[in-house]
C-alpha atoms as a PDB file:
ATOM      1  CA  MET A   1     -59.275   8.847  -8.268  1.00  0.00           C
ATOM      2  CA  ALA A   2     -59.373  12.722  -9.140  1.00  0.00           C
ATOM      3  CA  ARG A   3     -57.434  15.225  -7.135  1.00  0.00           C
ATOM      4  CA  LYS A   4     -59.096  18.133  -5.729  1.00  0.00           C
ATOM      5  CA  LYS A   5     -57.917  21.426  -6.994  1.00  0.00           C
ATOM      6  CA  ILE A   6     -57.592  24.052  -4.319  1.00  0.00           C
ATOM      7  CA  SER A   7     -57.065  27.871  -4.987  1.00  0.00           C
ATOM      8  CA  LEU A   8     -54.155  29.771  -3.735  1.00  0.00           C
ATOM      9  CA  ARG A   9     -56.339  31.558  -0.997  1.00  0.00           C
ATOM     10  CA  GLU A  10     -57.393  28.074   0.215  1.00  0.00           C
ATOM     11  CA  PHE A  11     -53.939  26.898   0.517  1.00  0.00           C
ATOM     12  CA  GLN A  12     -52.761  29.943   2.152  1.00  0.00           C
ATOM     13  CA  GLU A  13     -55.609  29.980   4.566  1.00  0.00           C
ATOM     14  CA  SER A  14     -54.830  26.288   5.431  1.00  0.00           C
ATOM     15  CA  LEU A  15     -51.168  27.054   6.074  1.00  0.00           C
ATOM     16  CA  GLY A  16     -52.064  29.929   8.185  1.00  0.00           C
ATOM     17  CA  GLN A  17     -54.351  27.703  10.305  1.00  0.00           C
ATOM     18  CA  ARG A  18     -51.295  25.196  10.584  1.00  0.00           C
ATOM     19  CA  LEU A  19     -49.243  27.622  11.719  1.00  0.00           C
ATOM     20  CA  ILE A  20     -51.494  29.146  14.278  1.00  0.00           C
ATOM     21  CA  SER A  21     -51.949  25.534  15.472  1.00  0.00           C
ATOM     22  CA  ALA A  22     -48.382  24.902  15.704  1.00  0.00           C
ATOM     23  CA  ARG A  23     -47.605  28.183  17.734  1.00  0.00           C
ATOM     24  CA  ALA A  24     -50.618  27.172  20.239  1.00  0.00           C
ATOM     25  CA  GLY A  25     -49.607  23.683  20.584  1.00  0.00           C
ATOM     26  CA  GLN A  26     -45.968  23.247  20.453  1.00  0.00           C
ATOM     27  CA  GLY A  27     -44.761  26.717  21.885  1.00  0.00           C
ATOM     28  CA  THR A  28     -41.267  27.577  20.739  1.00  0.00           C
ATOM     29  CA  ARG A  29     -40.519  23.967  19.978  1.00  0.00           C
ATOM     30  CA  ALA A  30     -41.704  24.334  16.366  1.00  0.00           C
ATOM     31  CA  LEU A  31     -39.444  26.766  14.215  1.00  0.00           C
ATOM     32  CA  LEU A  32     -39.952  27.912  10.696  1.00  0.00           C
ATOM     33  CA  GLY A  33     -37.205  26.755   8.673  1.00  0.00           C
ATOM     34  CA  VAL A  34     -35.739  28.858   5.682  1.00  0.00           C
ATOM     35  CA  GLN A  35     -32.639  28.971   3.282  1.00  0.00           C
ATOM     36  CA  ALA A  36     -30.693  32.164   2.873  1.00  0.00           C
ATOM     37  CA  GLY A  37     -27.831  31.370   0.455  1.00  0.00           C
ATOM     38  CA  ARG A  38     -26.207  28.354   1.690  1.00  0.00           C
ATOM     39  CA  ASP A  39     -27.218  28.776   5.367  1.00  0.00           C
ATOM     40  CA  TYR A  40     -30.289  27.253   7.102  1.00  0.00           C
ATOM     41  CA  TRP A  41     -31.914  29.496   9.630  1.00  0.00           C
ATOM     42  CA  LEU A  42     -34.713  28.675  12.258  1.00  0.00           C
ATOM     43  CA  LEU A  43     -37.094  31.493  13.197  1.00  0.00           C
ATOM     44  CA  ASN A  44     -39.711  31.674  16.232  1.00  0.00           C
ATOM     45  CA  LEU A  45     -43.027  31.603  14.382  1.00  0.00           C
ATOM     46  CA  ALA A  46     -44.264  34.255  16.591  1.00  0.00           C
ATOM     47  CA  ASP A  47     -41.531  36.514  15.059  1.00  0.00           C
ATOM     48  CA  SER A  48     -41.692  35.343  11.413  1.00  0.00           C
ATOM     49  CA  GLY A  49     -44.930  37.084  10.191  1.00  0.00           C
ATOM     50  CA  GLU A  50     -46.050  36.064   6.915  1.00  0.00           C
ATOM     51  CA  ILE A  51     -44.525  34.255   3.826  1.00  0.00           C
ATOM     52  CA  VAL A  52     -45.557  35.307   0.559  1.00  0.00           C
ATOM     53  CA  PRO A  53     -44.134  34.365  -3.138  1.00  0.00           C
ATOM     54  CA  LEU A  54     -41.928  36.860  -4.559  1.00  0.00           C
ATOM     55  CA  PRO A  55     -44.105  39.850  -6.101  1.00  0.00           C
ATOM     56  CA  PRO A  56     -42.592  42.525  -8.555  1.00  0.00           C
ATOM     57  CA  LEU A  57     -40.242  44.648  -6.804  1.00  0.00           C
ATOM     58  CA  THR A  58     -39.566  48.528  -7.263  1.00  0.00           C
ATOM     59  CA  GLY A  59     -35.827  49.218  -7.299  1.00  0.00           C
ATOM     60  CA  VAL A  60     -34.690  52.283  -5.280  1.00  0.00           C
ATOM     61  CA  PRO A  61     -31.679  54.076  -6.549  1.00  0.00           C
ATOM     62  CA  LEU A  62     -28.417  54.866  -4.447  1.00  0.00           C
ATOM     63  CA  THR A  63     -28.969  52.119  -2.071  1.00  0.00           C
ATOM     64  CA  ARG A  64     -26.633  49.317  -0.915  1.00  0.00           C
ATOM     65  CA  PRO A  65     -26.238  46.129  -3.102  1.00  0.00           C
ATOM     66  CA  TRP A  66     -28.290  43.866  -0.686  1.00  0.00           C
ATOM     67  CA  PHE A  67     -31.276  46.192  -0.960  1.00  0.00           C
ATOM     68  CA  CYS A  68     -33.752  44.839  -3.449  1.00  0.00           C
ATOM     69  CA  GLY A  69     -36.242  47.533  -3.330  1.00  0.00           C
ATOM     70  CA  MET A  70     -39.940  48.022  -2.383  1.00  0.00           C
ATOM     71  CA  ALA A  71     -42.800  45.363  -2.505  1.00  0.00           C
ATOM     72  CA  ASN A  72     -46.324  46.178  -2.464  1.00  0.00           C
ATOM     73  CA  ILE A  73     -48.099  43.604  -0.542  1.00  0.00           C
ATOM     74  CA  ARG A  74     -51.832  44.064  -0.277  1.00  0.00           C
ATOM     75  CA  GLY A  75     -51.503  47.837  -0.367  1.00  0.00           C
ATOM     76  CA  THR A  76     -48.580  48.104   2.225  1.00  0.00           C
ATOM     77  CA  LEU A  77     -45.199  48.846   1.314  1.00  0.00           C
ATOM     78  CA  TYR A  78     -42.307  46.729   2.554  1.00  0.00           C
ATOM     79  CA  SER A  79     -38.457  47.334   2.352  1.00  0.00           C
ATOM     80  CA  VAL A  80     -37.009  44.159   0.926  1.00  0.00           C
ATOM     81  CA  VAL A  81     -33.598  42.972   1.924  1.00  0.00           C
ATOM     82  CA  ASP A  82     -31.709  40.005   0.318  1.00  0.00           C
ATOM     83  CA  PHE A  83     -30.665  38.307   3.578  1.00  0.00           C
ATOM     84  CA  SER A  84     -27.899  36.228   1.772  1.00  0.00           C
ATOM     85  CA  ALA A  85     -26.336  39.385   0.090  1.00  0.00           C
ATOM     86  CA  PHE A  86     -26.681  41.227   3.632  1.00  0.00           C
ATOM     87  CA  GLN A  87     -24.483  39.000   5.371  1.00  0.00           C
ATOM     88  CA  GLY A  88     -21.754  39.018   2.523  1.00  0.00           C
ATOM     89  CA  GLY A  89     -23.046  35.855   0.715  1.00  0.00           C
ATOM     90  CA  GLU A  90     -24.294  35.479  -3.059  1.00  0.00           C
ATOM     91  CA  PRO A  91     -27.380  37.297  -3.961  1.00  0.00           C
ATOM     92  CA  THR A  92     -30.435  35.371  -3.820  1.00  0.00           C
ATOM     93  CA  PRO A  93     -31.832  34.194  -7.329  1.00  0.00           C
ATOM     94  CA  GLN A  94     -35.156  35.962  -7.840  1.00  0.00           C
ATOM     95  CA  ASN A  95     -37.215  32.695  -9.175  1.00  0.00           C
ATOM     96  CA  ALA A  96     -40.454  30.825  -8.475  1.00  0.00           C
ATOM     97  CA  ASP A  97     -38.875  29.223  -5.297  1.00  0.00           C
ATOM     98  CA  SER A  98     -37.754  32.698  -3.777  1.00  0.00           C
ATOM     99  CA  ARG A  99     -40.034  34.042  -0.999  1.00  0.00           C
ATOM    100  CA  LEU A 100     -40.387  36.968   1.042  1.00  0.00           C
ATOM    101  CA  LEU A 101     -40.594  36.622   4.742  1.00  0.00           C
ATOM    102  CA  ILE A 102     -42.434  39.602   6.450  1.00  0.00           C
ATOM    103  CA  VAL A 103     -40.329  40.273   9.843  1.00  0.00           C
ATOM    104  CA  GLY A 104     -40.919  43.557  10.999  1.00  0.00           C
ATOM    105  CA  GLY A 105     -44.556  43.821  11.594  1.00  0.00           C
ATOM    106  CA  ARG A 106     -44.432  42.912  15.270  1.00  0.00           C
ATOM    107  CA  PHE A 107     -41.227  45.152  15.661  1.00  0.00           C
ATOM    108  CA  GLY A 108     -42.980  48.140  13.991  1.00  0.00           C
ATOM    109  CA  ILE A 109     -40.798  47.966  10.729  1.00  0.00           C
ATOM    110  CA  ASN A 110     -42.152  47.236   7.357  1.00  0.00           C
ATOM    111  CA  SER A 111     -39.402  44.786   6.362  1.00  0.00           C
ATOM    112  CA  ALA A 112     -39.138  41.712   4.562  1.00  0.00           C
ATOM    113  CA  LEU A 113     -36.341  39.004   3.866  1.00  0.00           C
ATOM    114  CA  LEU A 114     -35.796  37.810   0.451  1.00  0.00           C
ATOM    115  CA  VAL A 115     -34.889  33.937   0.988  1.00  0.00           C
ATOM    116  CA  ASN A 116     -34.027  31.295  -1.336  1.00  0.00           C
ATOM    117  CA  ARG A 117     -36.918  29.196  -0.184  1.00  0.00           C
ATOM    118  CA  THR A 118     -38.932  28.214   2.952  1.00  0.00           C
ATOM    119  CA  LEU A 119     -38.439  25.021   4.325  1.00  0.00           C
ATOM    120  CA  GLY A 120     -41.509  24.403   6.636  1.00  0.00           C
ATOM    121  CA  LEU A 121     -41.736  23.997  10.333  1.00  0.00           C
ATOM    122  CA  ARG A 122     -38.938  22.106  12.153  1.00  0.00           C
ATOM    123  CA  ASN A 123     -39.058  20.640  15.449  1.00  0.00           C
ATOM    124  CA  ILE A 124     -35.980  21.721  17.654  1.00  0.00           C
ATOM    125  CA  GLU A 125     -36.409  18.595  20.008  1.00  0.00           C
ATOM    126  CA  GLN A 126     -35.311  16.495  17.003  1.00  0.00           C
ATOM    127  CA  MET A 127     -32.208  18.491  16.545  1.00  0.00           C
ATOM    128  CA  THR A 128     -28.909  18.315  18.523  1.00  0.00           C
ATOM    129  CA  PRO A 129     -27.254  21.655  19.946  1.00  0.00           C
ATOM    130  CA  ARG A 130     -23.851  22.564  18.549  1.00  0.00           C
ATOM    131  CA  THR A 131     -20.888  24.052  20.552  1.00  0.00           C
ATOM    132  CA  ALA A 132     -19.888  26.252  17.791  1.00  0.00           C
ATOM    133  CA  GLU A 133     -17.447  29.184  18.281  1.00  0.00           C
ATOM    134  CA  THR A 134     -19.410  32.390  18.854  1.00  0.00           C
ATOM    135  CA  ASP A 135     -20.488  34.316  15.816  1.00  0.00           C
ATOM    136  CA  PRO A 136     -19.684  38.084  16.003  1.00  0.00           C
ATOM    137  CA  ARG A 137     -23.021  38.779  14.028  1.00  0.00           C
ATOM    138  CA  PRO A 138     -25.405  39.895  16.837  1.00  0.00           C
ATOM    139  CA  TRP A 139     -28.540  38.316  14.971  1.00  0.00           C
ATOM    140  CA  VAL A 140     -26.967  34.680  14.841  1.00  0.00           C
ATOM    141  CA  GLY A 141     -28.240  32.484  17.724  1.00  0.00           C
ATOM    142  CA  GLU A 142     -27.772  29.169  18.722  1.00  0.00           C
ATOM    143  CA  GLN A 143     -26.916  26.397  16.229  1.00  0.00           C
ATOM    144  CA  TYR A 144     -28.062  22.886  15.985  1.00  0.00           C
ATOM    145  CA  ALA A 145     -27.621  20.007  13.806  1.00  0.00           C
ATOM    146  CA  ASP A 146     -30.508  18.048  12.192  1.00  0.00           C
ATOM    147  CA  PRO A 147     -30.644  14.159  12.065  1.00  0.00           C
ATOM    148  CA  GLN A 148     -29.173  14.432   8.504  1.00  0.00           C
ATOM    149  CA  GLY A 149     -26.225  16.363   9.780  1.00  0.00           C
ATOM    150  CA  GLY A 150     -27.283  19.706   8.312  1.00  0.00           C
ATOM    151  CA  VAL A 151     -26.407  22.725  10.524  1.00  0.00           C
ATOM    152  CA  TRP A 152     -29.330  25.302  11.438  1.00  0.00           C
ATOM    153  CA  LYS A 153     -28.854  28.798  12.853  1.00  0.00           C
ATOM    154  CA  ARG A 154     -31.438  30.479  15.208  1.00  0.00           C
ATOM    155  CA  LEU A 155     -32.064  33.940  13.742  1.00  0.00           C
ATOM    156  CA  LYS A 156     -32.495  36.680  16.230  1.00  0.00           C
ATOM    157  CA  LEU A 157     -34.874  38.928  14.401  1.00  0.00           C
ATOM    158  CA  ARG A 158     -35.119  41.732  17.158  1.00  0.00           C
ATOM    159  CA  ASN A 159     -31.045  42.148  17.123  1.00  0.00           C
ATOM    160  CA  LEU A 160     -31.184  42.119  13.098  1.00  0.00           C
ATOM    161  CA  LEU A 161     -33.937  44.857  12.696  1.00  0.00           C
ATOM    162  CA  GLY A 162     -32.469  47.009  15.565  1.00  0.00           C
ATOM    163  CA  LEU A 163     -29.023  47.086  13.632  1.00  0.00           C
ATOM    164  CA  PRO A 164     -28.013  50.549  12.182  1.00  0.00           C
ATOM    165  CA  ASP A 165     -26.090  48.682   9.264  1.00  0.00           C
ATOM    166  CA  PHE A 166     -29.755  46.870   8.449  1.00  0.00           C
ATOM    167  CA  LEU A 167     -31.711  49.975   8.899  1.00  0.00           C
ATOM    168  CA  GLU A 168     -29.285  52.326   6.804  1.00  0.00           C
ATOM    169  CA  ILE A 169     -30.060  51.213   3.091  1.00  0.00           C
ATOM    170  CA  GLY A 170     -28.473  54.426   1.388  1.00  0.00           C
ATOM    171  CA  LEU A 171     -24.976  54.439  -0.116  1.00  0.00           C
ATOM    172  CA  SER A 172     -22.451  56.296   1.789  1.00  0.00           C
END
């Protein structure tokens, strides 16, 4: 049996419809999973915005090492932050698996996070809350363990996008 080929546009439209269905049907129970460095993160679908393959980035001189540059996505410029490097982790490899998670639209900021890869929708009801010591980083929320024992952290985007350290990309 021959496989039907679909275009990238059809795939993106299909994925968008599935995300909309998940938002409508499961409320806050379905979360988007991403990997940034060695950490696994969960984001509310309403906050997550759009996920795009890594486009060419235009570097900006005299910026912090975690600031990757600017991306032009359909005529709109977005600042791109390497989320792993921002947290003091290893820089995210810029390869075919890397994705930009456009996060600031809802908050009035044209910002995107560079992540290693997206991991699809995760059902929080299938995870176990973990009692972990309080993380001093204001963007780190609750932690959960998946059935395989992996640790997932809730990303509080509003807190991340409001941080002066996140917004100030220039070298001191």
